Amino acid sequence: MKQFNDQQIITDVLAGQKELAKLYMNAIIESSCPKMRSVIMPIHNEVAENQFKCFQYMQARNLYPVDYAQPQQLTEAINKFASL
């Protein structure tokens, strides 16, 4: 049986959390029932928190490096969407 290392495991967990968040969000925006939406929203928030914890775990161990935007890129993005 194949053994998975820590990076493979946490990468799989992160991918699963991302997909769950998408599925719950889709259920929320497609639901016309306020009660159903109110039930699903806290679950979605919990999944989003778990996803962020996975990301932080990976980033702290240099398993998910992040390239931060330069100030000029931020200004361009702000200007692009300011007129919407």
N, C-alpha and C. Protein backbone atom coordinates (compact mmCIF):
# COMPACT_ATOMS: atom_id res chain seq x y z
N MET A 1 0.84 -1.18 0.00
CA MET A 1 0.00 0.00 0.00
C MET A 1 0.89 1.24 0.00
N LYS A 2 0.53 2.21 -0.84
CA LYS A 2 1.31 3.44 -0.95
C LYS A 2 1.13 4.30 0.30
N GLN A 3 2.24 4.83 0.78
CA GLN A 3 2.22 5.75 1.91
C GLN A 3 2.28 7.18 1.38
N PHE A 4 1.45 8.03 1.93
CA PHE A 4 1.43 9.43 1.54
C PHE A 4 2.22 10.25 2.55
N ASN A 5 2.94 11.26 2.05
CA ASN A 5 3.67 12.13 2.97
C ASN A 5 2.76 13.27 3.44
N ASP A 6 3.25 14.04 4.40
CA ASP A 6 2.45 15.12 4.98
C ASP A 6 1.97 16.12 3.93
N GLN A 7 2.83 16.47 3.00
CA GLN A 7 2.45 17.46 1.98
C GLN A 7 1.32 16.92 1.11
N GLN A 8 1.39 15.68 0.71
CA GLN A 8 0.33 15.09 -0.11
C GLN A 8 -0.99 15.05 0.66
N ILE A 9 -0.92 14.71 1.92
CA ILE A 9 -2.14 14.61 2.73
C ILE A 9 -2.79 15.97 2.89
N ILE A 10 -2.01 16.98 3.31
CA ILE A 10 -2.60 18.29 3.57
C ILE A 10 -3.04 18.95 2.27
N THR A 11 -2.35 18.68 1.16
CA THR A 11 -2.79 19.20 -0.13
C THR A 11 -4.14 18.62 -0.51
N ASP A 12 -4.33 17.34 -0.25
CA ASP A 12 -5.61 16.70 -0.53
C ASP A 12 -6.71 17.25 0.38
N VAL A 13 -6.38 17.46 1.65
CA VAL A 13 -7.36 18.02 2.59
C VAL A 13 -7.76 19.43 2.14
N LEU A 14 -6.79 20.24 1.77
CA LEU A 14 -7.08 21.60 1.31
C LEU A 14 -7.97 21.58 0.07
N ALA A 15 -7.65 20.73 -0.89
CA ALA A 15 -8.47 20.64 -2.10
C ALA A 15 -9.90 20.23 -1.76
N GLY A 16 -10.04 19.29 -0.83
CA GLY A 16 -11.37 18.87 -0.41
C GLY A 16 -12.15 19.99 0.25
N GLN A 17 -11.49 20.77 1.09
CA GLN A 17 -12.15 21.88 1.77
C GLN A 17 -12.58 22.95 0.76
N LYS A 18 -11.75 23.20 -0.23
CA LYS A 18 -12.10 24.18 -1.28
C LYS A 18 -13.35 23.72 -2.04
N GLU A 19 -13.39 22.46 -2.40
CA GLU A 19 -14.54 21.94 -3.13
C GLU A 19 -15.80 21.97 -2.28
N LEU A 20 -15.68 21.61 -1.00
CA LEU A 20 -16.84 21.68 -0.10
C LEU A 20 -17.36 23.10 0.00
N ALA A 21 -16.44 24.07 0.14
CA ALA A 21 -16.86 25.47 0.24
C ALA A 21 -17.63 25.89 -1.01
N LYS A 22 -17.16 25.48 -2.18
CA LYS A 22 -17.86 25.81 -3.42
C LYS A 22 -19.25 25.18 -3.46
N LEU A 23 -19.34 23.92 -3.05
CA LEU A 23 -20.63 23.22 -3.07
C LEU A 23 -21.63 23.87 -2.12
N TYR A 24 -21.17 24.18 -0.90
CA TYR A 24 -22.08 24.83 0.06
C TYR A 24 -22.49 26.22 -0.43
N MET A 25 -21.55 26.97 -1.00
CA MET A 25 -21.90 28.30 -1.51
C MET A 25 -22.92 28.19 -2.63
N ASN A 26 -22.74 27.23 -3.51
CA ASN A 26 -23.69 27.03 -4.59
C ASN A 26 -25.07 26.67 -4.04
N ALA A 27 -25.10 25.84 -3.01
CA ALA A 27 -26.39 25.49 -2.40
C ALA A 27 -27.05 26.72 -1.79
N ILE A 28 -26.26 27.59 -1.20
CA ILE A 28 -26.81 28.81 -0.59
C ILE A 28 -27.40 29.73 -1.66
N ILE A 29 -26.64 29.99 -2.71
CA ILE A 29 -27.12 30.96 -3.70
C ILE A 29 -28.23 30.40 -4.56
N GLU A 30 -28.36 29.09 -4.64
CA GLU A 30 -29.43 28.49 -5.44
C GLU A 30 -30.69 28.23 -4.63
N SER A 31 -30.60 28.32 -3.32
CA SER A 31 -31.76 28.02 -2.47
C SER A 31 -32.71 29.21 -2.41
N SER A 32 -33.98 28.92 -2.56
CA SER A 32 -35.00 29.98 -2.42
C SER A 32 -35.64 29.95 -1.04
N CYS A 33 -35.21 29.01 -0.21
CA CYS A 33 -35.80 28.84 1.12
C CYS A 33 -34.92 29.51 2.18
N PRO A 34 -35.40 30.57 2.83
CA PRO A 34 -34.60 31.25 3.84
C PRO A 34 -34.14 30.32 4.97
N LYS A 35 -34.99 29.39 5.38
CA LYS A 35 -34.61 28.46 6.45
C LYS A 35 -33.44 27.58 6.01
N MET A 36 -33.51 27.07 4.78
CA MET A 36 -32.42 26.24 4.27
C MET A 36 -31.13 27.03 4.19
N ARG A 37 -31.21 28.27 3.71
CA ARG A 37 -30.03 29.12 3.62
C ARG A 37 -29.42 29.34 5.00
N SER A 38 -30.28 29.57 6.00
CA SER A 38 -29.77 29.83 7.35
C SER A 38 -29.14 28.59 7.97
N VAL A 39 -29.54 27.41 7.51
CA VAL A 39 -28.92 26.17 7.99
C VAL A 39 -27.57 25.95 7.33
N ILE A 40 -27.49 26.24 6.04
CA ILE A 40 -26.27 25.96 5.28
C ILE A 40 -25.17 27.00 5.52
N MET A 41 -25.53 28.25 5.75
CA MET A 41 -24.52 29.31 5.89
C MET A 41 -23.49 29.03 6.99
N PRO A 42 -23.90 28.63 8.20
CA PRO A 42 -22.89 28.35 9.22
C PRO A 42 -21.98 27.17 8.84
N ILE A 43 -22.53 26.21 8.14
CA ILE A 43 -21.71 25.07 7.70
C ILE A 43 -20.67 25.56 6.69
N HIS A 44 -21.11 26.40 5.76
CA HIS A 44 -20.17 26.97 4.78
C HIS A 44 -19.07 27.75 5.49
N ASN A 45 -19.44 28.56 6.48
CA ASN A 45 -18.44 29.35 7.21
C ASN A 45 -17.44 28.45 7.92
N GLU A 46 -17.91 27.35 8.49
CA GLU A 46 -17.01 26.41 9.17
C GLU A 46 -16.04 25.77 8.18
N VAL A 47 -16.54 25.40 7.03
CA VAL A 47 -15.68 24.82 5.99
C VAL A 47 -14.65 25.85 5.53
N ALA A 48 -15.07 27.10 5.36
CA ALA A 48 -14.14 28.16 4.95
C ALA A 48 -13.05 28.37 6.01
N GLU A 49 -13.42 28.30 7.28
CA GLU A 49 -12.43 28.42 8.37
C GLU A 49 -11.45 27.25 8.33
N ASN A 50 -11.96 26.05 8.11
CA ASN A 50 -11.09 24.87 8.03
C ASN A 50 -10.14 24.98 6.84
N GLN A 51 -10.65 25.48 5.72
CA GLN A 51 -9.81 25.66 4.55
C GLN A 51 -8.68 26.64 4.86
N PHE A 52 -9.01 27.73 5.55
CA PHE A 52 -7.99 28.73 5.88
C PHE A 52 -6.96 28.16 6.85
N LYS A 53 -7.38 27.34 7.79
CA LYS A 53 -6.44 26.70 8.71
C LYS A 53 -5.48 25.78 7.95
N CYS A 54 -6.00 25.05 6.98
CA CYS A 54 -5.15 24.20 6.15
C CYS A 54 -4.13 25.05 5.40
N PHE A 55 -4.60 26.14 4.82
CA PHE A 55 -3.71 27.05 4.10
C PHE A 55 -2.62 27.58 5.02
N GLN A 56 -3.00 28.03 6.22
CA GLN A 56 -2.02 28.56 7.17
C GLN A 56 -0.99 27.50 7.56
N TYR A 57 -1.45 26.28 7.79
CA TYR A 57 -0.56 25.16 8.11
C TYR A 57 0.46 24.97 6.99
N MET A 58 -0.04 24.97 5.77
CA MET A 58 0.85 24.77 4.62
C MET A 58 1.80 25.94 4.43
N GLN A 59 1.30 27.14 4.56
CA GLN A 59 2.14 28.32 4.37
C GLN A 59 3.25 28.38 5.42
N ALA A 60 2.92 28.03 6.66
CA ALA A 60 3.91 28.06 7.74
C ALA A 60 5.04 27.06 7.51
N ARG A 61 4.77 26.02 6.73
CA ARG A 61 5.76 24.99 6.44
C ARG A 61 6.32 25.10 5.02
N ASN A 62 6.08 26.24 4.40
CA ASN A 62 6.53 26.52 3.03
C ASN A 62 6.04 25.47 2.03
N LEU A 63 4.84 24.96 2.27
CA LEU A 63 4.21 24.01 1.36
C LEU A 63 3.25 24.71 0.40
N TYR A 64 2.99 25.99 0.67
CA TYR A 64 2.07 26.78 -0.16
C TYR A 64 2.60 28.21 -0.19
N PRO A 65 3.68 28.43 -0.94
CA PRO A 65 4.25 29.78 -0.99
C PRO A 65 3.29 30.76 -1.67
N VAL A 66 3.32 31.98 -1.20
CA VAL A 66 2.42 33.01 -1.72
C VAL A 66 3.25 34.14 -2.32
N ASP A 67 2.90 34.52 -3.54
CA ASP A 67 3.50 35.70 -4.16
C ASP A 67 2.56 36.87 -3.92
N TYR A 68 3.00 37.81 -3.10
CA TYR A 68 2.16 38.95 -2.77
C TYR A 68 2.18 39.97 -3.90
N ALA A 69 1.05 40.61 -4.11
CA ALA A 69 0.93 41.62 -5.16
C ALA A 69 1.78 42.84 -4.82
N GLN A 70 2.33 43.43 -5.86
CA GLN A 70 3.09 44.66 -5.71
C GLN A 70 2.11 45.83 -5.62
N PRO A 71 2.51 46.94 -4.97
CA PRO A 71 1.61 48.09 -4.84
C PRO A 71 1.01 48.55 -6.17
N GLN A 72 1.81 48.54 -7.23
CA GLN A 72 1.30 48.97 -8.54
C GLN A 72 0.19 48.04 -9.02
N GLN A 73 0.33 46.74 -8.79
CA GLN A 73 -0.71 45.79 -9.19
C GLN A 73 -2.00 46.04 -8.42
N LEU A 74 -1.88 46.36 -7.14
CA LEU A 74 -3.06 46.66 -6.34
C LEU A 74 -3.77 47.91 -6.86
N THR A 75 -2.99 48.94 -7.15
CA THR A 75 -3.57 50.18 -7.68
C THR A 75 -4.29 49.92 -8.99
N GLU A 76 -3.69 49.13 -9.87
CA GLU A 76 -4.32 48.82 -11.16
C GLU A 76 -5.63 48.06 -10.96
N ALA A 77 -5.64 47.11 -10.04
CA ALA A 77 -6.86 46.34 -9.78
C ALA A 77 -7.96 47.22 -9.20
N ILE A 78 -7.59 48.10 -8.28
CA ILE A 78 -8.56 49.02 -7.68
C ILE A 78 -9.16 49.92 -8.75
N ASN A 79 -8.30 50.47 -9.60
CA ASN A 79 -8.78 51.35 -10.66
C ASN A 79 -9.68 50.62 -11.66
N LYS A 80 -9.32 49.39 -11.97
CA LYS A 80 -10.10 48.60 -12.92
C LYS A 80 -11.53 48.36 -12.44
N PHE A 81 -11.67 48.06 -11.15
CA PHE A 81 -12.99 47.70 -10.63
C PHE A 81 -13.73 48.87 -9.96
N ALA A 82 -13.08 50.01 -9.83
CA ALA A 82 -13.71 51.16 -9.19
C ALA A 82 -14.91 51.68 -9.97
N SER A 83 -14.87 51.52 -11.27
CA SER A 83 -15.96 52.05 -12.10
C SER A 83 -17.15 51.11 -12.22
N LEU A 84 -17.06 49.93 -11.67
CA LEU A 84 -18.16 48.96 -11.80
C LEU A 84 -19.32 49.29 -10.92
